[in-house]
Each structure stands twice: as structure tokens, then as C-alpha cells.
């Protein structure tokens, strides 16, 4: 499970991250390492909270590997 910052086009007004010149979207991705496929994904604003998204992804009987973000 990881959240990756994706620089956004200037016309993507919803992707405001830091200010008018720094726009980005964040991809939150869950990947099944056994099957080698993504299992869930969502895109948020660049300053989207990874911990809040993780809570919506959590499933029973699953082990998650996370970075320190």
C-alpha cells in the first residue's frame, strides 16, 4: 500500500497541492504481491492523507507493507 504524488496539469484546478503553481494528485495503490496485480486504487488531492485512505482499504486476514508515510 503506497501513496504516490503525481504532478498535475495546470488546468486540473481540483489538484491544488501547495499553491497555484504546485498542483498534484496522489495515487493510493494496493498491490497484491502474490498475484502481482493492483487490487485497489484511488486518486486524491496531492495533500491527501495516506493514513485515512489506508483505513478504507484495510481487509481482514491481510498483511500490509507500508512505507513510513
Protein backbone atom coordinates (compact mmCIF):
# COMPACT_ATOMS: atom_id res chain seq x y z
CA UNK A 1 0.00 0.00 0.00
CA UNK A 2 1.50 3.32 -1.03
CA UNK A 3 0.55 6.86 -1.90
CA UNK A 4 2.50 8.35 -4.79
CA UNK A 5 2.49 12.04 -5.69
CA UNK A 6 1.76 12.71 -9.37
CA UNK A 7 2.48 16.20 -10.77
CA UNK A 8 -0.71 17.59 -12.29
CA UNK A 9 -1.52 19.74 -15.27
CA UNK A 10 -2.13 23.44 -14.51
CA UNK A 11 -5.74 23.08 -15.68
CA UNK A 12 -6.53 20.49 -13.01
CA UNK A 13 -7.92 23.00 -10.52
CA UNK A 14 -9.07 20.30 -8.12
CA UNK A 15 -5.45 19.10 -7.76
CA UNK A 16 -4.30 22.13 -5.76
CA UNK A 17 -1.49 20.86 -3.56
CA UNK A 18 0.67 23.60 -2.09
CA UNK A 19 -0.29 26.72 -4.05
CA UNK A 20 -1.40 27.87 -7.52
CA UNK A 21 1.91 26.76 -9.09
CA UNK A 22 2.24 23.40 -7.36
CA UNK A 23 -0.59 21.10 -8.36
CA UNK A 24 -0.53 17.35 -7.94
CA UNK A 25 -2.74 14.33 -7.48
CA UNK A 26 -1.90 11.39 -5.24
CA UNK A 27 -2.40 7.79 -6.30
CA UNK A 28 -3.11 5.45 -3.38
CA UNK A 29 -2.44 1.92 -4.58
CA UNK A 30 -2.89 -1.51 -3.01
CA UNK A 31 -0.88 -4.24 -4.76
CA UNK A 32 -1.17 -8.00 -4.24
CA UNK A 33 2.41 -9.29 -4.32
CA UNK A 34 1.32 -12.92 -4.64
CA UNK A 35 -0.76 -12.30 -7.76
CA UNK A 36 1.44 -9.40 -9.00
CA UNK A 37 -1.57 -7.17 -9.68
CA UNK A 38 -3.03 -3.97 -8.22
CA UNK A 39 -6.14 -4.73 -6.19
CA UNK A 40 -7.40 -1.26 -5.25
CA UNK A 41 -6.58 2.30 -6.20
CA UNK A 42 -7.93 5.76 -5.60
CA UNK A 43 -6.78 9.26 -6.55
CA UNK A 44 -6.95 12.22 -4.16
CA UNK A 45 -5.62 15.77 -3.98
CA UNK A 46 -1.83 15.96 -3.67
CA UNK A 47 -2.12 16.57 0.05
CA UNK A 48 -4.49 13.62 0.54
CA UNK A 49 -3.88 11.79 3.82
CA UNK A 50 -2.42 8.32 3.21
CA UNK A 51 -3.47 7.06 6.65
CA UNK A 52 -7.13 7.94 6.07
CA UNK A 53 -7.15 6.17 2.70
CA UNK A 54 -5.39 3.14 4.19
CA UNK A 55 -8.16 2.79 6.77
CA UNK A 56 -10.71 2.47 3.95
CA UNK A 57 -8.59 -0.22 2.23
CA UNK A 58 -7.91 -2.49 5.24
CA UNK A 59 -9.24 -6.02 4.92
CA UNK A 60 -9.26 -8.94 7.39
CA UNK A 61 -6.67 -11.71 7.07
CA UNK A 62 -4.34 -9.42 5.12
CA UNK A 63 -0.78 -8.29 5.88
CA UNK A 64 0.13 -4.79 4.70
CA UNK A 65 3.59 -3.49 3.87
CA UNK A 66 3.80 0.30 4.14
CA UNK A 67 6.43 2.99 3.87
CA UNK A 68 6.87 5.45 6.74
CA UNK A 69 4.45 7.96 5.12
